Amino acid sequence: MNNNNFLQKQGSVSFKKLNKRLVAFNALLILAFFGVQIFVTSFVGTKTQEIDYTRNQKTELRQNNSFLEAEIAKEKSVAQAQDVIEKYSLQEKEVNFLQEANLQGVALKYP
């Protein structure tokens, strides 16, 4: 008891007051924790629609890319090339390349 009076005389806080302050502080921390949890949950909850929309767009774009890749492969096919040849009446021609290393034997036309 003498020791307790000595601490009170020096201006220190009693254990009862300290316990009350700690309980109040812990209650405040718990309330703040639940408040933050509610805020985060509501914020993430509103983002769910945006996430679903973005995922749907991603799926749609992948399907469009697959379709375009199939179209490209179709256009690259030999059958398609044959159709173009027949449509425009293209003929196979031979190309001769000059074997000259310099241009001295070539006639140049100036404008």
N, C-alpha and C. Protein backbone atom coordinates (compact mmCIF):
# COMPACT_ATOMS: atom_id res chain seq x y z
N MET A 1 0.81 -1.18 0.00
CA MET A 1 0.00 0.00 0.00
C MET A 1 0.86 1.25 0.00
N ASN A 2 1.93 1.19 0.72
CA ASN A 2 2.83 2.32 0.79
C ASN A 2 3.43 2.61 -0.59
N ASN A 3 3.72 1.56 -1.34
CA ASN A 3 4.28 1.71 -2.68
C ASN A 3 3.28 2.39 -3.62
N ASN A 4 1.99 2.04 -3.50
CA ASN A 4 0.95 2.62 -4.33
C ASN A 4 0.80 4.12 -4.05
N ASN A 5 0.87 4.52 -2.82
CA ASN A 5 0.79 5.94 -2.46
C ASN A 5 1.99 6.69 -3.03
N PHE A 6 3.14 6.05 -3.04
CA PHE A 6 4.34 6.68 -3.56
C PHE A 6 4.19 6.97 -5.06
N LEU A 7 3.62 5.99 -5.81
CA LEU A 7 3.42 6.19 -7.25
C LEU A 7 2.40 7.30 -7.52
N GLN A 8 1.35 7.36 -6.72
CA GLN A 8 0.35 8.39 -6.92
C GLN A 8 0.91 9.77 -6.60
N LYS A 9 1.79 9.86 -5.66
CA LYS A 9 2.38 11.14 -5.31
C LYS A 9 3.27 11.66 -6.43
N GLN A 10 3.86 10.78 -7.21
CA GLN A 10 4.74 11.21 -8.30
C GLN A 10 3.95 11.62 -9.55
N GLY A 11 2.66 11.49 -9.55
CA GLY A 11 1.84 11.92 -10.68
C GLY A 11 1.59 10.80 -11.67
N SER A 12 1.83 9.58 -11.29
CA SER A 12 1.57 8.47 -12.21
C SER A 12 0.10 8.10 -12.15
N VAL A 13 -0.38 7.36 -13.15
CA VAL A 13 -1.77 6.97 -13.26
C VAL A 13 -1.97 5.66 -12.52
N SER A 14 -3.10 5.54 -11.87
CA SER A 14 -3.38 4.29 -11.16
C SER A 14 -3.70 3.19 -12.16
N PHE A 15 -3.59 1.94 -11.72
CA PHE A 15 -3.83 0.81 -12.61
C PHE A 15 -5.28 0.74 -13.07
N LYS A 16 -6.22 1.17 -12.24
CA LYS A 16 -7.63 1.16 -12.63
C LYS A 16 -7.87 2.12 -13.79
N LYS A 17 -7.29 3.32 -13.70
CA LYS A 17 -7.44 4.30 -14.78
C LYS A 17 -6.74 3.80 -16.04
N LEU A 18 -5.58 3.20 -15.86
CA LEU A 18 -4.82 2.67 -17.00
C LEU A 18 -5.60 1.56 -17.69
N ASN A 19 -6.20 0.67 -16.89
CA ASN A 19 -7.00 -0.42 -17.47
C ASN A 19 -8.21 0.13 -18.22
N LYS A 20 -8.86 1.15 -17.67
CA LYS A 20 -10.02 1.76 -18.34
C LYS A 20 -9.60 2.37 -19.67
N ARG A 21 -8.47 3.04 -19.68
CA ARG A 21 -7.98 3.65 -20.92
C ARG A 21 -7.62 2.58 -21.95
N LEU A 22 -6.99 1.51 -21.50
CA LEU A 22 -6.63 0.43 -22.42
C LEU A 22 -7.87 -0.25 -22.99
N VAL A 23 -8.87 -0.46 -22.15
CA VAL A 23 -10.13 -1.07 -22.62
C VAL A 23 -10.79 -0.16 -23.65
N ALA A 24 -10.82 1.14 -23.37
CA ALA A 24 -11.42 2.09 -24.30
C ALA A 24 -10.64 2.13 -25.62
N PHE A 25 -9.32 2.12 -25.52
CA PHE A 25 -8.48 2.14 -26.72
C PHE A 25 -8.69 0.86 -27.54
N ASN A 26 -8.75 -0.30 -26.88
CA ASN A 26 -9.00 -1.56 -27.60
C ASN A 26 -10.38 -1.56 -28.26
N ALA A 27 -11.38 -1.02 -27.55
CA ALA A 27 -12.71 -0.93 -28.15
C ALA A 27 -12.69 -0.03 -29.38
N LEU A 28 -11.97 1.07 -29.30
CA LEU A 28 -11.84 1.97 -30.43
C LEU A 28 -11.14 1.28 -31.61
N LEU A 29 -10.10 0.53 -31.32
CA LEU A 29 -9.40 -0.20 -32.39
C LEU A 29 -10.30 -1.24 -33.04
N ILE A 30 -11.10 -1.93 -32.24
CA ILE A 30 -12.01 -2.95 -32.78
C ILE A 30 -13.06 -2.29 -33.67
N LEU A 31 -13.60 -1.16 -33.22
CA LEU A 31 -14.58 -0.45 -34.04
C LEU A 31 -13.95 0.05 -35.34
N ALA A 32 -12.73 0.56 -35.24
CA ALA A 32 -12.04 1.03 -36.45
C ALA A 32 -11.80 -0.14 -37.40
N PHE A 33 -11.41 -1.29 -36.88
CA PHE A 33 -11.18 -2.48 -37.71
C PHE A 33 -12.44 -2.87 -38.47
N PHE A 34 -13.57 -2.94 -37.75
CA PHE A 34 -14.83 -3.31 -38.41
C PHE A 34 -15.27 -2.24 -39.40
N GLY A 35 -15.02 -0.99 -39.09
CA GLY A 35 -15.35 0.09 -40.02
C GLY A 35 -14.56 -0.03 -41.31
N VAL A 36 -13.28 -0.31 -41.19
CA VAL A 36 -12.44 -0.49 -42.38
C VAL A 36 -12.89 -1.71 -43.17
N GLN A 37 -13.25 -2.79 -42.49
CA GLN A 37 -13.72 -3.99 -43.18
C GLN A 37 -15.01 -3.72 -43.96
N ILE A 38 -15.92 -2.97 -43.37
CA ILE A 38 -17.17 -2.63 -44.06
C ILE A 38 -16.88 -1.76 -45.28
N PHE A 39 -15.98 -0.80 -45.13
CA PHE A 39 -15.63 0.07 -46.25
C PHE A 39 -15.01 -0.73 -47.39
N VAL A 40 -14.06 -1.59 -47.06
CA VAL A 40 -13.39 -2.39 -48.10
C VAL A 40 -14.38 -3.32 -48.77
N THR A 41 -15.24 -3.95 -48.01
CA THR A 41 -16.23 -4.86 -48.58
C THR A 41 -17.17 -4.12 -49.52
N SER A 42 -17.63 -2.96 -49.13
CA SER A 42 -18.55 -2.20 -49.99
C SER A 42 -17.82 -1.70 -51.23
N PHE A 43 -16.57 -1.30 -51.11
CA PHE A 43 -15.80 -0.82 -52.25
C PHE A 43 -15.54 -1.94 -53.24
N VAL A 44 -15.14 -3.10 -52.76
CA VAL A 44 -14.89 -4.24 -53.63
C VAL A 44 -16.20 -4.75 -54.22
N GLY A 45 -17.27 -4.66 -53.46
CA GLY A 45 -18.58 -5.11 -53.95
C GLY A 45 -19.04 -4.32 -55.17
N THR A 46 -18.73 -3.03 -55.21
CA THR A 46 -19.12 -2.23 -56.37
C THR A 46 -18.23 -2.51 -57.57
N LYS A 47 -17.05 -3.00 -57.35
CA LYS A 47 -16.13 -3.29 -58.44
C LYS A 47 -16.44 -4.62 -59.11
N THR A 48 -17.29 -5.45 -58.51
CA THR A 48 -17.59 -6.76 -59.06
C THR A 48 -18.22 -6.64 -60.44
N GLN A 49 -19.13 -5.69 -60.62
CA GLN A 49 -19.76 -5.50 -61.92
C GLN A 49 -18.74 -5.10 -62.97
N GLU A 50 -17.81 -4.22 -62.62
CA GLU A 50 -16.78 -3.81 -63.57
C GLU A 50 -15.87 -4.98 -63.93
N ILE A 51 -15.55 -5.80 -62.95
CA ILE A 51 -14.71 -6.97 -63.21
C ILE A 51 -15.43 -7.94 -64.13
N ASP A 52 -16.71 -8.18 -63.89
CA ASP A 52 -17.49 -9.08 -64.76
C ASP A 52 -17.57 -8.53 -66.18
N TYR A 53 -17.79 -7.23 -66.31
CA TYR A 53 -17.86 -6.61 -67.63
C TYR A 53 -16.53 -6.77 -68.37
N THR A 54 -15.44 -6.54 -67.68
CA THR A 54 -14.11 -6.68 -68.29
C THR A 54 -13.85 -8.13 -68.69
N ARG A 55 -14.24 -9.08 -67.86
CA ARG A 55 -14.06 -10.49 -68.21
C ARG A 55 -14.89 -10.87 -69.42
N ASN A 56 -16.12 -10.35 -69.50
CA ASN A 56 -16.95 -10.63 -70.66
C ASN A 56 -16.35 -10.04 -71.93
N GLN A 57 -15.80 -8.83 -71.82
CA GLN A 57 -15.13 -8.22 -72.97
C GLN A 57 -13.94 -9.06 -73.40
N LYS A 58 -13.18 -9.55 -72.45
CA LYS A 58 -12.01 -10.37 -72.74
C LYS A 58 -12.42 -11.64 -73.49
N THR A 59 -13.49 -12.28 -73.04
CA THR A 59 -13.98 -13.49 -73.69
C THR A 59 -14.44 -13.18 -75.11
N GLU A 60 -15.15 -12.07 -75.26
CA GLU A 60 -15.65 -11.68 -76.58
C GLU A 60 -14.49 -11.38 -77.54
N LEU A 61 -13.48 -10.68 -77.05
CA LEU A 61 -12.32 -10.36 -77.88
C LEU A 61 -11.55 -11.62 -78.28
N ARG A 62 -11.45 -12.58 -77.38
CA ARG A 62 -10.78 -13.83 -77.72
C ARG A 62 -11.54 -14.57 -78.82
N GLN A 63 -12.87 -14.55 -78.73
CA GLN A 63 -13.66 -15.20 -79.77
C GLN A 63 -13.50 -14.49 -81.10
N ASN A 64 -13.49 -13.16 -81.08
CA ASN A 64 -13.28 -12.41 -82.31
C ASN A 64 -11.90 -12.68 -82.90
N ASN A 65 -10.89 -12.78 -82.05
CA ASN A 65 -9.54 -13.08 -82.52
C ASN A 65 -9.48 -14.46 -83.15
N SER A 66 -10.14 -15.42 -82.55
CA SER A 66 -10.17 -16.77 -83.12
C SER A 66 -10.83 -16.76 -84.48
N PHE A 67 -11.93 -16.04 -84.59
CA PHE A 67 -12.63 -15.93 -85.87
C PHE A 67 -11.73 -15.28 -86.92
N LEU A 68 -11.05 -14.20 -86.55
CA LEU A 68 -10.17 -13.51 -87.50
C LEU A 68 -8.98 -14.38 -87.90
N GLU A 69 -8.44 -15.13 -86.95
CA GLU A 69 -7.34 -16.04 -87.28
C GLU A 69 -7.80 -17.11 -88.27
N ALA A 70 -9.03 -17.60 -88.11
CA ALA A 70 -9.56 -18.58 -89.06
C ALA A 70 -9.76 -17.94 -90.43
N GLU A 71 -10.22 -16.69 -90.47
CA GLU A 71 -10.38 -16.00 -91.75
C GLU A 71 -9.03 -15.77 -92.43
N ILE A 72 -8.03 -15.42 -91.67
CA ILE A 72 -6.69 -15.22 -92.23
C ILE A 72 -6.15 -16.52 -92.80
N ALA A 73 -6.32 -17.59 -92.06
CA ALA A 73 -5.85 -18.90 -92.54
C ALA A 73 -6.59 -19.28 -93.82
N LYS A 74 -7.88 -18.97 -93.89
CA LYS A 74 -8.66 -19.27 -95.10
C LYS A 74 -8.16 -18.47 -96.29
N GLU A 75 -7.87 -17.18 -96.05
CA GLU A 75 -7.39 -16.33 -97.14
C GLU A 75 -5.99 -16.72 -97.60
N LYS A 76 -5.20 -17.31 -96.73
CA LYS A 76 -3.85 -17.74 -97.09
C LYS A 76 -3.84 -19.06 -97.84
N SER A 77 -4.95 -19.75 -97.89
CA SER A 77 -4.98 -21.10 -98.46
C SER A 77 -4.71 -21.08 -99.96
N VAL A 78 -4.27 -22.22 -100.48
CA VAL A 78 -3.96 -22.38 -101.90
C VAL A 78 -5.24 -22.26 -102.71
N ALA A 79 -6.33 -22.80 -102.21
CA ALA A 79 -7.61 -22.73 -102.93
C ALA A 79 -8.02 -21.27 -103.13
N GLN A 80 -7.82 -20.45 -102.13
CA GLN A 80 -8.16 -19.03 -102.25
C GLN A 80 -7.26 -18.37 -103.29
N ALA A 81 -6.00 -18.71 -103.31
CA ALA A 81 -5.08 -18.15 -104.30
C ALA A 81 -5.51 -18.56 -105.70
N GLN A 82 -5.94 -19.80 -105.87
CA GLN A 82 -6.42 -20.27 -107.17
C GLN A 82 -7.67 -19.50 -107.59
N ASP A 83 -8.55 -19.23 -106.65
CA ASP A 83 -9.76 -18.46 -106.96
C ASP A 83 -9.41 -17.05 -107.44
N VAL A 84 -8.42 -16.42 -106.81
CA VAL A 84 -7.99 -15.08 -107.21
C VAL A 84 -7.39 -15.14 -108.62
N ILE A 85 -6.60 -16.16 -108.90
CA ILE A 85 -5.99 -16.33 -110.24
C ILE A 85 -7.08 -16.44 -111.29
N GLU A 86 -8.10 -17.25 -111.03
CA GLU A 86 -9.18 -17.43 -111.98
C GLU A 86 -10.04 -16.17 -112.10
N LYS A 87 -10.28 -15.49 -111.01
CA LYS A 87 -11.15 -14.31 -111.01
C LYS A 87 -10.55 -13.19 -111.84
N TYR A 88 -9.25 -12.97 -111.72
CA TYR A 88 -8.60 -11.86 -112.42
C TYR A 88 -7.86 -12.31 -113.67
N SER A 89 -8.01 -13.55 -114.08
CA SER A 89 -7.35 -14.10 -115.27
C SER A 89 -5.84 -13.86 -115.24
N LEU A 90 -5.25 -14.17 -114.15
CA LEU A 90 -3.81 -13.99 -114.00
C LEU A 90 -3.09 -15.13 -114.72
N GLN A 91 -1.91 -14.80 -115.26
CA GLN A 91 -1.11 -15.81 -115.95
C GLN A 91 0.28 -15.83 -115.35
N GLU A 92 0.87 -17.01 -115.41
CA GLU A 92 2.22 -17.15 -114.88
C GLU A 92 3.20 -16.63 -115.92
N LYS A 93 4.14 -15.84 -115.50
CA LYS A 93 5.15 -15.26 -116.38
C LYS A 93 6.53 -15.54 -115.81
N GLU A 94 7.49 -15.52 -116.72
CA GLU A 94 8.88 -15.69 -116.29
C GLU A 94 9.52 -14.34 -116.08
N VAL A 95 10.38 -14.27 -115.13
CA VAL A 95 11.09 -13.03 -114.83
C VAL A 95 12.57 -13.31 -115.02
N ASN A 96 13.22 -12.48 -115.79
CA ASN A 96 14.67 -12.61 -116.01
C ASN A 96 15.37 -11.48 -115.29
N PHE A 97 16.33 -11.83 -114.50
CA PHE A 97 17.09 -10.84 -113.77
C PHE A 97 18.40 -10.58 -114.49
N LEU A 98 18.83 -9.34 -114.48
CA LEU A 98 20.11 -8.97 -115.09
C LEU A 98 21.25 -9.48 -114.24
N GLN A 99 22.24 -9.99 -114.89
CA GLN A 99 23.39 -10.48 -114.16
C GLN A 99 24.52 -9.45 -114.11
N GLU A 100 24.29 -8.26 -114.66
CA GLU A 100 25.30 -7.21 -114.68
C GLU A 100 25.54 -6.67 -113.28
N ALA A 101 26.78 -6.54 -112.92
CA ALA A 101 27.12 -5.97 -111.62
C ALA A 101 27.10 -4.45 -111.67
N ASN A 102 27.37 -3.88 -112.85
CA ASN A 102 27.34 -2.43 -112.98
C ASN A 102 26.23 -2.04 -113.96
N LEU A 103 25.93 -0.80 -114.04
CA LEU A 103 24.81 -0.34 -114.86
C LEU A 103 25.28 0.29 -116.18
N GLN A 104 26.46 -0.02 -116.66
CA GLN A 104 26.97 0.63 -117.87
C GLN A 104 26.22 0.20 -119.13
N GLY A 105 25.76 -1.03 -119.18
CA GLY A 105 25.07 -1.51 -120.38
C GLY A 105 23.58 -1.26 -120.35
N VAL A 106 23.07 -0.53 -119.37
CA VAL A 106 21.63 -0.32 -119.22
C VAL A 106 21.29 1.11 -119.65
N ALA A 107 20.30 1.23 -120.51
CA ALA A 107 19.89 2.55 -120.97
C ALA A 107 19.00 3.18 -119.90
N LEU A 108 19.30 4.41 -119.56
CA LEU A 108 18.52 5.14 -118.56
C LEU A 108 17.67 6.20 -119.25
N LYS A 109 16.47 6.31 -118.80
CA LYS A 109 15.57 7.31 -119.37
C LYS A 109 15.41 8.41 -118.35
N TYR A 110 15.83 9.60 -118.75
CA TYR A 110 15.67 10.77 -117.88
C TYR A 110 14.40 11.51 -118.25
N PRO A 111 13.71 12.04 -117.31
CA PRO A 111 12.48 12.78 -117.63
C PRO A 111 12.73 14.10 -118.30
